[in-house]
């Protein structure tokens, strides 16, 4: 589950994807934390171990800043 950069500018992102991102960005800070990512995975019916969740998060956080921003989320969502 490797993420790739989203080639679309944010302005062209689908409204549905923006809504999905906002749903999982529980505190509305424009970033998905590991805790929020775990909740997202749970809603999707994940059966990953904690180490697998960490790997998935790190693969999605392509810039390595410790959170998933909208562009990273969009690239991951498109891969899913």
Protein backbone atom coordinates (compact mmCIF):
# COMPACT_ATOMS: atom_id res chain seq x y z
CA UNK A 1 0.00 0.00 0.00
CA UNK A 2 2.48 2.62 -1.15
CA UNK A 3 1.19 6.11 -1.67
CA UNK A 4 2.11 8.23 -4.64
CA UNK A 5 1.83 11.98 -4.96
CA UNK A 6 -1.53 13.25 -6.14
CA UNK A 7 -0.99 14.95 -9.52
CA UNK A 8 -4.20 16.97 -9.19
CA UNK A 9 -4.04 20.42 -7.64
CA UNK A 10 -6.12 20.68 -4.47
CA UNK A 11 -8.57 23.01 -6.22
CA UNK A 12 -9.52 20.20 -8.60
CA UNK A 13 -10.09 17.61 -5.88
CA UNK A 14 -13.51 16.02 -5.76
CA UNK A 15 -15.94 17.33 -3.15
CA UNK A 16 -16.60 13.75 -2.03
CA UNK A 17 -12.92 13.22 -1.28
CA UNK A 18 -12.78 16.49 0.67
CA UNK A 19 -15.76 15.31 2.73
CA UNK A 20 -14.08 11.95 3.39
CA UNK A 21 -10.88 13.69 4.50
CA UNK A 22 -12.81 16.02 6.81
CA UNK A 23 -14.65 13.05 8.32
CA UNK A 24 -11.41 11.44 9.43
CA UNK A 25 -9.67 14.71 10.35
CA UNK A 26 -11.57 14.73 13.63
CA UNK A 27 -10.03 17.89 15.07
CA UNK A 28 -10.28 19.80 11.78
CA UNK A 29 -6.61 20.82 11.70
CA UNK A 30 -6.13 19.73 8.08
CA UNK A 31 -4.05 16.71 9.05
CA UNK A 32 -4.80 13.11 9.94
CA UNK A 33 -2.84 11.83 12.92
CA UNK A 34 -1.98 8.21 13.52
CA UNK A 35 -4.89 7.92 15.96
CA UNK A 36 -7.31 9.32 13.40
CA UNK A 37 -5.84 6.99 10.76
CA UNK A 38 -6.44 3.98 13.04
CA UNK A 39 -10.10 5.03 13.38
CA UNK A 40 -10.34 5.38 9.59
CA UNK A 41 -8.92 1.88 9.14
CA UNK A 42 -11.36 0.49 11.71
CA UNK A 43 -14.30 1.98 9.80
CA UNK A 44 -12.98 0.32 6.66
CA UNK A 45 -12.96 -3.03 8.47
CA UNK A 46 -9.21 -3.40 8.89
CA UNK A 47 -7.68 -6.51 10.39
CA UNK A 48 -4.14 -5.15 10.53
CA UNK A 49 -1.81 -5.62 13.46
CA UNK A 50 -0.49 -2.52 15.19
CA UNK A 51 2.89 -2.81 13.40
CA UNK A 52 1.07 -3.14 10.05
CA UNK A 53 -0.97 -0.01 10.85
CA UNK A 54 2.26 1.86 11.58
CA UNK A 55 3.72 0.71 8.27
CA UNK A 56 0.57 1.76 6.39
CA UNK A 57 0.61 5.16 8.09
CA UNK A 58 4.30 5.69 7.32
CA UNK A 59 3.75 4.68 3.68
CA UNK A 60 0.88 7.16 3.39
CA UNK A 61 2.81 9.96 5.12
CA UNK A 62 5.07 10.41 2.12
CA UNK A 63 6.76 13.60 3.34
CA UNK A 64 7.55 12.04 6.72
CA UNK A 65 6.17 14.85 8.87
CA UNK A 66 4.22 12.48 11.13
CA UNK A 67 0.75 13.37 9.84
CA UNK A 68 -1.24 12.76 6.65
CA UNK A 69 -2.21 15.91 4.80
CA UNK A 70 -4.93 16.14 2.18
CA UNK A 71 -2.66 15.41 -0.80
CA UNK A 72 -1.23 12.31 0.88
CA UNK A 73 -4.74 11.17 1.81
CA UNK A 74 -5.97 11.67 -1.76
CA UNK A 75 -3.09 9.63 -3.19
CA UNK A 76 -3.69 6.85 -0.65
CA UNK A 77 -7.47 6.87 -1.21
CA UNK A 78 -6.98 6.58 -4.97
CA UNK A 79 -4.69 3.57 -4.40
CA UNK A 80 -7.16 1.83 -2.08
